Amino acid sequence: MMTLNQYMGELMQTMIVIQGDESFGKEWQASIELIESTVTKGNTVFIAGNGGSAADAQHIAAEFVGRFKKERRSYPAIALTTDTSALTSIGNDYGFVRVFSRQLEGLGREGDLFIGISTSGNSVNIVHACSEARKQNMKIIGLLGNDGGLIKEFVDVALVVPSTVTAHIQEIHQQIYHSWCCAVDELHG
């Protein structure tokens, strides 16, 4: 049986690797700049993921539209994971692989931003969404795990948590998007 100290030790090892990775720091800074640029221009941030990453998409959107720590204006963000009528009708008519890309086709515009979350880096519906975002001239951030998988090749900015432990990837993803929320709280646009 794994102890709490063992579990936390594994998580901390992954965090130490990220902290020492200069290229990760540069990608993180680029992600902040894309988010700030998007919302201050009045464009929309769209976010999607599967399973726990779907919950993360909702969490991010809620923090951008609501607030994180500070009182500030609301910024446009939509989790593509929340409209059950759209998800089920698109899934039924076009297949699960298009549940996010079809929404971006109708809602996305040039200047918007898509954040695709995939702990494996290979979620096919996120790959399709990235492809559609590119057609719409949207910027794309990948919040990924493992080695970044297929999705890494489709994004402008790839934040890859170098782990194969899904729980640790999700835990670090939350720290990353909470840092985004802090940055958004500091905007005055």
C-alpha atoms as a PDB file:
ATOM      1  CA  MET A   1       0.000   0.000   0.000  1.00  0.00           C
ATOM      2  CA  MET A   2       1.301   3.432  -0.977  1.00  0.00           C
ATOM      3  CA  THR A   3       1.755   5.926   1.839  1.00  0.00           C
ATOM      4  CA  LEU A   4       0.885   9.617   1.642  1.00  0.00           C
ATOM      5  CA  ASN A   5       4.600  10.435   1.790  1.00  0.00           C
ATOM      6  CA  GLN A   6       5.301   8.155  -1.184  1.00  0.00           C
ATOM      7  CA  TYR A   7       2.442   9.668  -3.177  1.00  0.00           C
ATOM      8  CA  MET A   8       3.527  13.233  -2.409  1.00  0.00           C
ATOM      9  CA  GLY A   9       7.148  12.290  -3.156  1.00  0.00           C
ATOM     10  CA  GLU A  10       6.199  11.132  -6.660  1.00  0.00           C
ATOM     11  CA  LEU A  11       4.270  14.351  -7.249  1.00  0.00           C
ATOM     12  CA  MET A  12       7.125  16.493  -5.936  1.00  0.00           C
ATOM     13  CA  GLN A  13       9.630  14.727  -8.228  1.00  0.00           C
ATOM     14  CA  THR A  14       7.544  15.719 -11.257  1.00  0.00           C
ATOM     15  CA  MET A  15       7.251  19.280  -9.963  1.00  0.00           C
ATOM     16  CA  ILE A  16      11.028  19.487  -9.468  1.00  0.00           C
ATOM     17  CA  VAL A  17      11.602  18.371 -13.069  1.00  0.00           C
ATOM     18  CA  ILE A  18       9.233  21.081 -14.324  1.00  0.00           C
ATOM     19  CA  GLN A  19      10.791  23.776 -12.120  1.00  0.00           C
ATOM     20  CA  GLY A  20      14.218  23.011 -13.563  1.00  0.00           C
ATOM     21  CA  ASP A  21      13.023  22.978 -17.178  1.00  0.00           C
ATOM     22  CA  GLU A  22      13.738  26.349 -18.766  1.00  0.00           C
ATOM     23  CA  SER A  23      11.730  25.526 -21.901  1.00  0.00           C
ATOM     24  CA  PHE A  24       8.667  24.736 -19.750  1.00  0.00           C
ATOM     25  CA  GLY A  25       9.014  28.155 -18.127  1.00  0.00           C
ATOM     26  CA  LYS A  26       9.126  29.802 -21.548  1.00  0.00           C
ATOM     27  CA  GLU A  27       6.011  27.899 -22.678  1.00  0.00           C
ATOM     28  CA  TRP A  28       4.232  28.910 -19.473  1.00  0.00           C
ATOM     29  CA  GLN A  29       5.103  32.579 -20.087  1.00  0.00           C
ATOM     30  CA  ALA A  30       3.879  32.287 -23.683  1.00  0.00           C
ATOM     31  CA  SER A  31       0.599  30.774 -22.426  1.00  0.00           C
ATOM     32  CA  ILE A  32       0.068  33.723 -20.070  1.00  0.00           C
ATOM     33  CA  GLU A  33       0.703  36.179 -22.910  1.00  0.00           C
ATOM     34  CA  LEU A  34      -1.780  34.398 -25.209  1.00  0.00           C
ATOM     35  CA  ILE A  35      -4.484  34.354 -22.544  1.00  0.00           C
ATOM     36  CA  GLU A  36      -3.965  38.001 -21.601  1.00  0.00           C
ATOM     37  CA  SER A  37      -3.917  39.107 -25.229  1.00  0.00           C
ATOM     38  CA  THR A  38      -7.092  37.160 -26.008  1.00  0.00           C
ATOM     39  CA  VAL A  39      -9.230  38.396 -23.135  1.00  0.00           C
ATOM     40  CA  THR A  40      -8.080  42.022 -23.174  1.00  0.00           C
ATOM     41  CA  LYS A  41      -9.068  42.247 -26.838  1.00  0.00           C
ATOM     42  CA  GLY A  42     -12.541  40.937 -25.976  1.00  0.00           C
ATOM     43  CA  ASN A  43     -12.017  37.590 -27.652  1.00  0.00           C
ATOM     44  CA  THR A  44     -13.131  34.300 -26.126  1.00  0.00           C
ATOM     45  CA  VAL A  45     -11.166  31.503 -24.503  1.00  0.00           C
ATOM     46  CA  PHE A  46     -12.656  28.081 -25.311  1.00  0.00           C
ATOM     47  CA  ILE A  47     -11.570  25.109 -23.212  1.00  0.00           C
ATOM     48  CA  ALA A  48     -12.162  21.364 -23.571  1.00  0.00           C
ATOM     49  CA  GLY A  49     -11.016  18.050 -22.161  1.00  0.00           C
ATOM     50  CA  ASN A  50     -12.369  14.621 -21.270  1.00  0.00           C
ATOM     51  CA  GLY A  51     -13.204  13.142 -17.867  1.00  0.00           C
ATOM     52  CA  GLY A  52     -11.328  14.992 -15.125  1.00  0.00           C
ATOM     53  CA  SER A  53      -9.999  17.358 -17.795  1.00  0.00           C
ATOM     54  CA  ALA A  54     -13.610  18.259 -18.664  1.00  0.00           C
ATOM     55  CA  ALA A  55     -14.050  19.317 -15.048  1.00  0.00           C
ATOM     56  CA  ASP A  56     -10.813  21.313 -15.325  1.00  0.00           C
ATOM     57  CA  ALA A  57     -12.175  23.057 -18.444  1.00  0.00           C
ATOM     58  CA  GLN A  58     -15.251  24.101 -16.480  1.00  0.00           C
ATOM     59  CA  HIS A  59     -13.097  25.213 -13.549  1.00  0.00           C
ATOM     60  CA  ILE A  60     -10.935  27.438 -15.762  1.00  0.00           C
ATOM     61  CA  ALA A  61     -13.938  29.011 -17.507  1.00  0.00           C
ATOM     62  CA  ALA A  62     -15.651  29.693 -14.183  1.00  0.00           C
ATOM     63  CA  GLU A  63     -12.569  31.436 -12.781  1.00  0.00           C
ATOM     64  CA  PHE A  64     -12.165  33.630 -15.893  1.00  0.00           C
ATOM     65  CA  VAL A  65     -15.828  34.620 -16.068  1.00  0.00           C
ATOM     66  CA  GLY A  66     -16.230  34.937 -12.293  1.00  0.00           C
ATOM     67  CA  ARG A  67     -13.067  35.721 -10.428  1.00  0.00           C
ATOM     68  CA  PHE A  68     -10.210  33.901  -8.784  1.00  0.00           C
ATOM     69  CA  LYS A  69      -8.927  35.964  -5.857  1.00  0.00           C
ATOM     70  CA  LYS A  70      -9.578  39.587  -6.721  1.00  0.00           C
ATOM     71  CA  GLU A  71     -12.623  41.563  -7.724  1.00  0.00           C
ATOM     72  CA  ARG A  72     -12.253  42.454 -11.413  1.00  0.00           C
ATOM     73  CA  ARG A  73     -14.205  42.536 -14.642  1.00  0.00           C
ATOM     74  CA  SER A  74     -15.437  39.297 -16.169  1.00  0.00           C
ATOM     75  CA  TYR A  75     -13.537  37.804 -19.098  1.00  0.00           C
ATOM     76  CA  PRO A  76     -15.107  35.656 -21.842  1.00  0.00           C
ATOM     77  CA  ALA A  77     -14.448  31.946 -21.437  1.00  0.00           C
ATOM     78  CA  ILE A  78     -16.536  28.920 -22.409  1.00  0.00           C
ATOM     79  CA  ALA A  79     -16.028  25.291 -21.436  1.00  0.00           C
ATOM     80  CA  LEU A  80     -17.106  23.230 -24.441  1.00  0.00           C
ATOM     81  CA  THR A  81     -17.806  20.382 -22.029  1.00  0.00           C
ATOM     82  CA  THR A  82     -20.948  21.774 -20.395  1.00  0.00           C
ATOM     83  CA  ASP A  83     -23.770  21.942 -22.940  1.00  0.00           C
ATOM     84  CA  THR A  84     -25.277  18.461 -22.699  1.00  0.00           C
ATOM     85  CA  SER A  85     -27.691  19.084 -25.572  1.00  0.00           C
ATOM     86  CA  ALA A  86     -24.841  20.083 -27.891  1.00  0.00           C
ATOM     87  CA  LEU A  87     -22.597  17.259 -26.688  1.00  0.00           C
ATOM     88  CA  THR A  88     -25.235  14.575 -27.129  1.00  0.00           C
ATOM     89  CA  SER A  89     -26.633  15.817 -30.435  1.00  0.00           C
ATOM     90  CA  ILE A  90     -23.180  16.289 -31.972  1.00  0.00           C
ATOM     91  CA  GLY A  91     -22.028  12.958 -30.539  1.00  0.00           C
ATOM     92  CA  ASN A  92     -25.085  11.256 -31.987  1.00  0.00           C
ATOM     93  CA  ASP A  93     -24.989  12.944 -35.401  1.00  0.00           C
ATOM     94  CA  TYR A  94     -21.227  13.304 -35.984  1.00  0.00           C
ATOM     95  CA  GLY A  95     -19.532  11.008 -33.476  1.00  0.00           C
ATOM     96  CA  PHE A  96     -17.747  11.692 -30.207  1.00  0.00           C
ATOM     97  CA  VAL A  97     -14.568  12.757 -32.021  1.00  0.00           C
ATOM     98  CA  ARG A  98     -16.357  15.921 -33.216  1.00  0.00           C
ATOM     99  CA  VAL A  99     -18.086  17.044 -29.996  1.00  0.00           C
ATOM    100  CA  PHE A 100     -15.635  19.918 -29.501  1.00  0.00           C
ATOM    101  CA  SER A 101     -14.600  20.714 -33.078  1.00  0.00           C
ATOM    102  CA  ARG A 102     -18.219  21.161 -34.187  1.00  0.00           C
ATOM    103  CA  GLN A 103     -18.812  23.639 -31.357  1.00  0.00           C
ATOM    104  CA  LEU A 104     -15.670  25.572 -32.350  1.00  0.00           C
ATOM    105  CA  GLU A 105     -16.854  25.602 -35.951  1.00  0.00           C
ATOM    106  CA  GLY A 106     -19.988  27.452 -34.885  1.00  0.00           C
ATOM    107  CA  LEU A 107     -18.649  29.578 -32.035  1.00  0.00           C
ATOM    108  CA  GLY A 108     -14.949  30.196 -32.688  1.00  0.00           C
ATOM    109  CA  ARG A 109     -13.582  33.243 -34.446  1.00  0.00           C
ATOM    110  CA  GLU A 110     -10.213  34.590 -35.481  1.00  0.00           C
ATOM    111  CA  GLY A 111      -8.503  36.027 -32.419  1.00  0.00           C
ATOM    112  CA  ASP A 112     -10.099  33.543 -30.026  1.00  0.00           C
ATOM    113  CA  LEU A 113      -8.055  31.000 -28.063  1.00  0.00           C
ATOM    114  CA  PHE A 114      -8.594  27.262 -27.646  1.00  0.00           C
ATOM    115  CA  ILE A 115      -7.131  25.421 -24.662  1.00  0.00           C
ATOM    116  CA  GLY A 116      -7.101  21.662 -25.197  1.00  0.00           C
ATOM    117  CA  ILE A 117      -6.515  19.517 -22.126  1.00  0.00           C
ATOM    118  CA  SER A 118      -5.324  15.916 -22.469  1.00  0.00           C
ATOM    119  CA  THR A 119      -3.358  13.979 -19.884  1.00  0.00           C
ATOM    120  CA  SER A 120      -2.290  11.484 -22.562  1.00  0.00           C
ATOM    121  CA  GLY A 121      -1.701  14.095 -25.250  1.00  0.00           C
ATOM    122  CA  ASN A 122      -3.623  11.873 -27.659  1.00  0.00           C
ATOM    123  CA  SER A 123      -7.338  12.558 -27.111  1.00  0.00           C
ATOM    124  CA  VAL A 124      -8.752  12.332 -30.626  1.00  0.00           C
ATOM    125  CA  ASN A 125     -11.576  14.798 -30.020  1.00  0.00           C
ATOM    126  CA  ILE A 126      -9.017  17.350 -28.793  1.00  0.00           C
ATOM    127  CA  VAL A 127      -6.913  16.736 -31.927  1.00  0.00           C
ATOM    128  CA  HIS A 128     -10.007  17.455 -34.045  1.00  0.00           C
ATOM    129  CA  ALA A 129     -10.757  20.581 -31.990  1.00  0.00           C
ATOM    130  CA  CYS A 130      -7.185  21.826 -32.485  1.00  0.00           C
ATOM    131  CA  SER A 131      -7.539  21.289 -36.227  1.00  0.00           C
ATOM    132  CA  GLU A 132     -10.782  23.277 -36.287  1.00  0.00           C
ATOM    133  CA  ALA A 133      -9.280  26.028 -34.136  1.00  0.00           C
ATOM    134  CA  ARG A 134      -6.447  26.320 -36.647  1.00  0.00           C
ATOM    135  CA  LYS A 135      -9.005  26.668 -39.502  1.00  0.00           C
ATOM    136  CA  GLN A 136     -10.627  29.514 -37.531  1.00  0.00           C
ATOM    137  CA  ASN A 137      -7.232  31.246 -37.094  1.00  0.00           C
ATOM    138  CA  MET A 138      -7.432  30.780 -33.358  1.00  0.00           C
ATOM    139  CA  LYS A 139      -4.374  30.373 -31.153  1.00  0.00           C
ATOM    140  CA  ILE A 140      -4.056  27.057 -29.307  1.00  0.00           C
ATOM    141  CA  ILE A 141      -2.614  26.076 -25.942  1.00  0.00           C
ATOM    142  CA  GLY A 142      -2.162  22.402 -25.092  1.00  0.00           C
ATOM    143  CA  LEU A 143      -2.292  21.469 -21.421  1.00  0.00           C
ATOM    144  CA  LEU A 144      -0.828  17.994 -21.797  1.00  0.00           C
ATOM    145  CA  GLY A 145       0.825  15.042 -20.099  1.00  0.00           C
ATOM    146  CA  ASN A 146       3.242  12.230 -20.916  1.00  0.00           C
ATOM    147  CA  ASP A 147       5.356  13.417 -23.874  1.00  0.00           C
ATOM    148  CA  GLY A 148       2.667  15.710 -25.295  1.00  0.00           C
ATOM    149  CA  GLY A 149       1.437  13.071 -27.739  1.00  0.00           C
ATOM    150  CA  LEU A 150      -0.168  13.975 -31.056  1.00  0.00           C
ATOM    151  CA  ILE A 151      -1.665  17.184 -29.728  1.00  0.00           C
ATOM    152  CA  LYS A 152       1.753  18.754 -29.142  1.00  0.00           C
ATOM    153  CA  GLU A 153       2.135  19.060 -32.911  1.00  0.00           C
ATOM    154  CA  PHE A 154      -1.115  21.052 -33.292  1.00  0.00           C
ATOM    155  CA  VAL A 155      -0.623  23.773 -30.685  1.00  0.00           C
ATOM    156  CA  ASP A 156       1.096  27.143 -30.475  1.00  0.00           C
ATOM    157  CA  VAL A 157       2.066  26.568 -26.854  1.00  0.00           C
ATOM    158  CA  ALA A 158       2.532  23.128 -25.268  1.00  0.00           C
ATOM    159  CA  LEU A 159       2.633  22.790 -21.491  1.00  0.00           C
ATOM    160  CA  VAL A 160       3.608  19.151 -21.099  1.00  0.00           C
ATOM    161  CA  VAL A 161       3.711  17.593 -17.639  1.00  0.00           C
ATOM    162  CA  PRO A 162       6.356  14.850 -18.005  1.00  0.00           C
ATOM    163  CA  SER A 163       4.562  12.077 -16.159  1.00  0.00           C
ATOM    164  CA  THR A 164       2.541   8.985 -16.972  1.00  0.00           C
ATOM    165  CA  VAL A 165       0.589   9.191 -13.692  1.00  0.00           C
ATOM    166  CA  THR A 166      -2.742  10.752 -14.659  1.00  0.00           C
ATOM    167  CA  ALA A 167      -3.473  12.013 -11.139  1.00  0.00           C
ATOM    168  CA  HIS A 168      -0.125  13.831 -10.944  1.00  0.00           C
ATOM    169  CA  ILE A 169      -0.611  15.341 -14.386  1.00  0.00           C
ATOM    170  CA  GLN A 170      -4.040  16.641 -13.332  1.00  0.00           C
ATOM    171  CA  GLU A 171      -2.670  18.005 -10.056  1.00  0.00           C
ATOM    172  CA  ILE A 172       0.029  19.955 -11.860  1.00  0.00           C
ATOM    173  CA  HIS A 173      -2.427  21.081 -14.546  1.00  0.00           C
ATOM    174  CA  GLN A 174      -4.485  22.642 -11.763  1.00  0.00           C
ATOM    175  CA  GLN A 175      -1.451  24.549 -10.484  1.00  0.00           C
ATOM    176  CA  ILE A 176      -0.769  25.798 -14.006  1.00  0.00           C
ATOM    177  CA  TYR A 177      -4.291  27.013 -14.634  1.00  0.00           C
ATOM    178  CA  HIS A 178      -4.511  28.576 -11.197  1.00  0.00           C
ATOM    179  CA  SER A 179      -1.402  30.569 -12.170  1.00  0.00           C
ATOM    180  CA  TRP A 180      -3.312  31.667 -15.296  1.00  0.00           C
ATOM    181  CA  CYS A 181      -6.185  32.761 -13.068  1.00  0.00           C
ATOM    182  CA  CYS A 182      -3.802  34.867 -10.971  1.00  0.00           C
ATOM    183  CA  ALA A 183      -2.548  36.545 -14.144  1.00  0.00           C
ATOM    184  CA  VAL A 184      -6.101  37.231 -15.348  1.00  0.00           C
ATOM    185  CA  ASP A 185      -6.963  38.718 -11.940  1.00  0.00           C
ATOM    186  CA  GLU A 186      -4.169  41.251 -12.454  1.00  0.00           C
ATOM    187  CA  LEU A 187      -5.515  42.551 -15.771  1.00  0.00           C
ATOM    188  CA  HIS A 188      -7.159  45.937 -15.848  1.00  0.00           C
ATOM    189  CA  GLY A 189      -8.703  45.822 -19.339  1.00  0.00           C
END
